[in-house]
Amino acid sequence: MNNFEGHINGDKPVVVDFFAEWCAPCRMMPPVLKEVKEKLGDSVTVLKMDIDKNPHYTNQYGVQAVPTLIVFKNGKIIWRKAGVASANEIIQHVKLLV
């Protein structure tokens, strides 16, 4: 099991940002994810997944648009959204899990 799978199969919520370097809306997500991490601290893990460098995971999770955000806990998808999300929207879904 690699590091990514270790994180998403853990009992701590993991927010994964599936993105691409060439994607303009994806550039809006880093400050949003930073805010999520600042507000939730160690109760959440935030990961970025480049779809061009990781096609296996892109296919495995059916990512068809970027950015796509997926929240995992215990290996299960708890919430997902294609497109830009606000920090409050992400936090609202993660807080249900902590």
N, C-alpha and C. Protein backbone atom coordinates (compact mmCIF):
# COMPACT_ATOMS: atom_id res chain seq x y z
N MET A 1 0.85 -1.18 0.00
CA MET A 1 0.00 0.00 0.00
C MET A 1 0.90 1.24 0.00
N ASN A 2 0.59 2.17 -0.89
CA ASN A 2 1.42 3.39 -0.94
C ASN A 2 0.90 4.43 0.06
N ASN A 3 1.58 5.55 0.12
CA ASN A 3 1.27 6.59 1.07
C ASN A 3 -0.15 7.15 0.87
N PHE A 4 -0.53 7.37 -0.39
CA PHE A 4 -1.87 7.89 -0.68
C PHE A 4 -2.94 6.94 -0.14
N GLU A 5 -2.81 5.65 -0.45
CA GLU A 5 -3.80 4.68 0.01
C GLU A 5 -3.79 4.56 1.53
N GLY A 6 -2.62 4.71 2.13
CA GLY A 6 -2.54 4.69 3.58
C GLY A 6 -3.34 5.82 4.20
N HIS A 7 -3.24 7.01 3.61
CA HIS A 7 -4.00 8.16 4.11
C HIS A 7 -5.50 7.96 3.95
N ILE A 8 -5.95 7.61 2.74
CA ILE A 8 -7.39 7.57 2.50
C ILE A 8 -8.07 6.40 3.22
N ASN A 9 -7.30 5.38 3.59
CA ASN A 9 -7.88 4.25 4.31
C ASN A 9 -7.82 4.44 5.83
N GLY A 10 -7.27 5.56 6.27
CA GLY A 10 -7.18 5.83 7.71
C GLY A 10 -8.49 6.37 8.26
N ASP A 11 -8.52 6.50 9.60
CA ASP A 11 -9.77 6.97 10.22
C ASP A 11 -9.83 8.49 10.35
N LYS A 12 -8.82 9.17 9.80
CA LYS A 12 -8.84 10.64 9.77
C LYS A 12 -9.37 11.09 8.40
N PRO A 13 -10.27 12.08 8.36
CA PRO A 13 -10.77 12.55 7.07
C PRO A 13 -9.63 13.09 6.20
N VAL A 14 -9.71 12.79 4.91
CA VAL A 14 -8.71 13.24 3.95
C VAL A 14 -9.43 13.98 2.82
N VAL A 15 -9.01 15.22 2.58
CA VAL A 15 -9.54 16.00 1.46
C VAL A 15 -8.51 15.88 0.34
N VAL A 16 -8.94 15.33 -0.81
CA VAL A 16 -8.04 15.19 -1.95
C VAL A 16 -8.50 16.13 -3.06
N ASP A 17 -7.57 16.95 -3.51
CA ASP A 17 -7.82 17.89 -4.60
C ASP A 17 -7.20 17.29 -5.86
N PHE A 18 -8.04 16.76 -6.74
CA PHE A 18 -7.58 16.27 -8.04
C PHE A 18 -7.48 17.48 -8.95
N PHE A 19 -6.28 17.75 -9.46
CA PHE A 19 -6.04 18.97 -10.23
C PHE A 19 -5.13 18.68 -11.42
N ALA A 20 -4.96 19.71 -12.26
CA ALA A 20 -4.00 19.64 -13.37
C ALA A 20 -3.29 20.99 -13.45
N GLU A 21 -2.02 20.93 -13.84
CA GLU A 21 -1.23 22.16 -13.95
C GLU A 21 -1.84 23.14 -14.95
N TRP A 22 -2.46 22.62 -16.01
CA TRP A 22 -2.99 23.45 -17.09
C TRP A 22 -4.39 24.00 -16.78
N CYS A 23 -4.95 23.63 -15.65
CA CYS A 23 -6.33 23.98 -15.30
C CYS A 23 -6.40 25.32 -14.56
N ALA A 24 -7.01 26.33 -15.20
CA ALA A 24 -7.10 27.65 -14.58
C ALA A 24 -7.92 27.65 -13.28
N PRO A 25 -9.11 27.04 -13.23
CA PRO A 25 -9.87 27.03 -11.97
C PRO A 25 -9.13 26.32 -10.83
N CYS A 26 -8.27 25.35 -11.18
CA CYS A 26 -7.51 24.62 -10.15
C CYS A 26 -6.61 25.56 -9.36
N ARG A 27 -6.18 26.64 -9.98
CA ARG A 27 -5.29 27.59 -9.31
C ARG A 27 -6.00 28.35 -8.19
N MET A 28 -7.32 28.26 -8.15
CA MET A 28 -8.08 28.92 -7.09
C MET A 28 -8.13 28.08 -5.81
N MET A 29 -7.78 26.81 -5.91
CA MET A 29 -7.96 25.91 -4.77
C MET A 29 -6.88 25.99 -3.68
N PRO A 30 -5.59 26.23 -3.98
CA PRO A 30 -4.61 26.23 -2.89
C PRO A 30 -4.94 27.14 -1.70
N PRO A 31 -5.37 28.40 -1.92
CA PRO A 31 -5.71 29.21 -0.74
C PRO A 31 -6.93 28.67 0.01
N VAL A 32 -7.86 28.08 -0.71
CA VAL A 32 -9.05 27.49 -0.08
C VAL A 32 -8.62 26.31 0.79
N LEU A 33 -7.76 25.44 0.25
CA LEU A 33 -7.31 24.27 1.00
C LEU A 33 -6.45 24.68 2.20
N LYS A 34 -5.70 25.75 2.03
CA LYS A 34 -4.89 26.27 3.15
C LYS A 34 -5.81 26.72 4.28
N GLU A 35 -6.89 27.39 3.93
CA GLU A 35 -7.86 27.84 4.94
C GLU A 35 -8.50 26.65 5.64
N VAL A 36 -8.85 25.61 4.88
CA VAL A 36 -9.42 24.40 5.47
C VAL A 36 -8.45 23.82 6.49
N LYS A 37 -7.19 23.69 6.10
CA LYS A 37 -6.17 23.12 6.99
C LYS A 37 -5.96 24.00 8.23
N GLU A 38 -5.95 25.33 8.03
CA GLU A 38 -5.77 26.23 9.17
C GLU A 38 -6.93 26.13 10.16
N LYS A 39 -8.15 25.98 9.65
CA LYS A 39 -9.32 25.94 10.53
C LYS A 39 -9.52 24.58 11.19
N LEU A 40 -9.14 23.50 10.51
CA LEU A 40 -9.37 22.16 11.05
C LEU A 40 -8.11 21.52 11.64
N GLY A 41 -6.95 22.08 11.32
CA GLY A 41 -5.70 21.60 11.91
C GLY A 41 -5.42 20.13 11.64
N ASP A 42 -4.96 19.44 12.69
CA ASP A 42 -4.54 18.05 12.55
C ASP A 42 -5.70 17.07 12.46
N SER A 43 -6.94 17.57 12.55
CA SER A 43 -8.09 16.66 12.46
C SER A 43 -8.37 16.24 11.02
N VAL A 44 -7.65 16.84 10.06
CA VAL A 44 -7.86 16.53 8.65
C VAL A 44 -6.52 16.50 7.92
N THR A 45 -6.46 15.67 6.88
CA THR A 45 -5.30 15.64 5.99
C THR A 45 -5.75 16.22 4.66
N VAL A 46 -4.93 17.08 4.06
CA VAL A 46 -5.24 17.66 2.76
C VAL A 46 -4.16 17.22 1.78
N LEU A 47 -4.57 16.59 0.68
CA LEU A 47 -3.64 16.10 -0.34
C LEU A 47 -4.01 16.67 -1.69
N LYS A 48 -2.99 16.84 -2.54
CA LYS A 48 -3.21 17.26 -3.92
C LYS A 48 -2.79 16.10 -4.82
N MET A 49 -3.59 15.82 -5.85
CA MET A 49 -3.31 14.72 -6.76
C MET A 49 -3.34 15.26 -8.20
N ASP A 50 -2.17 15.29 -8.84
CA ASP A 50 -2.06 15.75 -10.23
C ASP A 50 -2.59 14.64 -11.13
N ILE A 51 -3.67 14.93 -11.85
CA ILE A 51 -4.31 13.88 -12.67
C ILE A 51 -3.43 13.42 -13.81
N ASP A 52 -2.57 14.28 -14.32
CA ASP A 52 -1.70 13.90 -15.43
C ASP A 52 -0.58 12.98 -14.97
N LYS A 53 -0.16 13.12 -13.72
CA LYS A 53 0.93 12.28 -13.19
C LYS A 53 0.39 11.02 -12.51
N ASN A 54 -0.90 10.97 -12.26
CA ASN A 54 -1.51 9.85 -11.54
C ASN A 54 -2.79 9.35 -12.23
N PRO A 55 -2.68 8.91 -13.48
CA PRO A 55 -3.89 8.50 -14.21
C PRO A 55 -4.60 7.31 -13.56
N HIS A 56 -3.87 6.47 -12.84
CA HIS A 56 -4.49 5.32 -12.18
C HIS A 56 -5.58 5.78 -11.21
N TYR A 57 -5.24 6.76 -10.36
CA TYR A 57 -6.22 7.25 -9.37
C TYR A 57 -7.32 8.06 -10.04
N THR A 58 -6.97 8.78 -11.07
CA THR A 58 -7.96 9.55 -11.82
C THR A 58 -9.04 8.61 -12.36
N ASN A 59 -8.61 7.50 -12.94
CA ASN A 59 -9.56 6.50 -13.47
C ASN A 59 -10.29 5.77 -12.35
N GLN A 60 -9.55 5.39 -11.31
CA GLN A 60 -10.14 4.62 -10.21
C GLN A 60 -11.30 5.37 -9.55
N TYR A 61 -11.16 6.68 -9.42
CA TYR A 61 -12.19 7.47 -8.76
C TYR A 61 -13.08 8.24 -9.72
N GLY A 62 -12.98 7.94 -11.01
CA GLY A 62 -13.89 8.51 -12.00
C GLY A 62 -13.82 10.02 -12.11
N VAL A 63 -12.62 10.57 -11.96
CA VAL A 63 -12.46 12.02 -12.06
C VAL A 63 -12.51 12.40 -13.53
N GLN A 64 -13.53 13.18 -13.90
CA GLN A 64 -13.72 13.57 -15.30
C GLN A 64 -13.55 15.07 -15.51
N ALA A 65 -13.48 15.82 -14.42
CA ALA A 65 -13.31 17.27 -14.52
C ALA A 65 -12.37 17.70 -13.40
N VAL A 66 -11.65 18.77 -13.64
CA VAL A 66 -10.78 19.31 -12.59
C VAL A 66 -11.12 20.78 -12.36
N PRO A 67 -11.03 21.26 -11.13
CA PRO A 67 -10.71 20.44 -9.97
C PRO A 67 -11.88 19.56 -9.54
N THR A 68 -11.55 18.41 -8.97
CA THR A 68 -12.53 17.58 -8.28
C THR A 68 -12.02 17.37 -6.87
N LEU A 69 -12.87 17.62 -5.92
CA LEU A 69 -12.53 17.40 -4.51
C LEU A 69 -13.25 16.16 -4.02
N ILE A 70 -12.51 15.29 -3.34
CA ILE A 70 -13.11 14.09 -2.75
C ILE A 70 -12.66 14.02 -1.30
N VAL A 71 -13.62 13.81 -0.40
CA VAL A 71 -13.31 13.60 1.01
C VAL A 71 -13.46 12.10 1.29
N PHE A 72 -12.37 11.52 1.81
CA PHE A 72 -12.34 10.10 2.16
C PHE A 72 -12.27 9.94 3.67
N LYS A 73 -12.81 8.84 4.16
CA LYS A 73 -12.60 8.40 5.53
C LYS A 73 -12.76 6.89 5.55
N ASN A 74 -11.78 6.20 6.15
CA ASN A 74 -11.79 4.74 6.20
C ASN A 74 -11.94 4.12 4.81
N GLY A 75 -11.32 4.75 3.81
CA GLY A 75 -11.33 4.21 2.45
C GLY A 75 -12.60 4.46 1.67
N LYS A 76 -13.58 5.11 2.29
CA LYS A 76 -14.86 5.37 1.62
C LYS A 76 -14.94 6.84 1.20
N ILE A 77 -15.59 7.06 0.06
CA ILE A 77 -15.84 8.43 -0.39
C ILE A 77 -17.04 8.95 0.39
N ILE A 78 -16.81 10.02 1.13
CA ILE A 78 -17.86 10.61 1.96
C ILE A 78 -18.56 11.74 1.21
N TRP A 79 -17.79 12.47 0.41
CA TRP A 79 -18.33 13.63 -0.32
C TRP A 79 -17.43 13.91 -1.50
N ARG A 80 -18.01 14.33 -2.59
CA ARG A 80 -17.21 14.75 -3.74
C ARG A 80 -17.89 15.89 -4.46
N LYS A 81 -17.06 16.70 -5.10
CA LYS A 81 -17.60 17.83 -5.87
C LYS A 81 -16.65 18.12 -7.01
N ALA A 82 -17.19 18.26 -8.20
CA ALA A 82 -16.41 18.71 -9.35
C ALA A 82 -16.56 20.22 -9.42
N GLY A 83 -15.44 20.91 -9.57
CA GLY A 83 -15.46 22.36 -9.64
C GLY A 83 -14.90 22.97 -8.36
N VAL A 84 -14.78 24.27 -8.38
CA VAL A 84 -14.22 25.00 -7.24
C VAL A 84 -15.22 24.98 -6.08
N ALA A 85 -14.70 24.73 -4.88
CA ALA A 85 -15.54 24.75 -3.68
C ALA A 85 -14.98 25.78 -2.71
N SER A 86 -15.84 26.29 -1.85
CA SER A 86 -15.37 27.24 -0.83
C SER A 86 -14.83 26.47 0.37
N ALA A 87 -14.01 27.14 1.15
CA ALA A 87 -13.48 26.52 2.37
C ALA A 87 -14.62 26.12 3.29
N ASN A 88 -15.62 26.99 3.43
CA ASN A 88 -16.74 26.68 4.33
C ASN A 88 -17.50 25.44 3.88
N GLU A 89 -17.67 25.28 2.58
CA GLU A 89 -18.37 24.10 2.05
C GLU A 89 -17.60 22.83 2.40
N ILE A 90 -16.29 22.86 2.20
CA ILE A 90 -15.46 21.68 2.50
C ILE A 90 -15.48 21.40 4.01
N ILE A 91 -15.29 22.44 4.81
CA ILE A 91 -15.26 22.30 6.27
C ILE A 91 -16.56 21.72 6.79
N GLN A 92 -17.67 22.17 6.23
CA GLN A 92 -18.99 21.68 6.65
C GLN A 92 -19.07 20.16 6.49
N HIS A 93 -18.56 19.61 5.40
CA HIS A 93 -18.61 18.17 5.17
C HIS A 93 -17.60 17.41 6.03
N VAL A 94 -16.44 17.99 6.23
CA VAL A 94 -15.40 17.32 7.03
C VAL A 94 -15.78 17.31 8.51
N LYS A 95 -16.41 18.39 8.99
CA LYS A 95 -16.76 18.46 10.42
C LYS A 95 -17.72 17.37 10.82
N LEU A 96 -18.49 16.84 9.89
CA LEU A 96 -19.41 15.74 10.19
C LEU A 96 -18.65 14.47 10.52
N LEU A 97 -17.35 14.44 10.15
CA LEU A 97 -16.57 13.21 10.29
C LEU A 97 -15.62 13.22 11.48
N VAL A 98 -15.37 14.39 12.05
CA VAL A 98 -14.36 14.47 13.12
C VAL A 98 -15.01 14.46 14.50
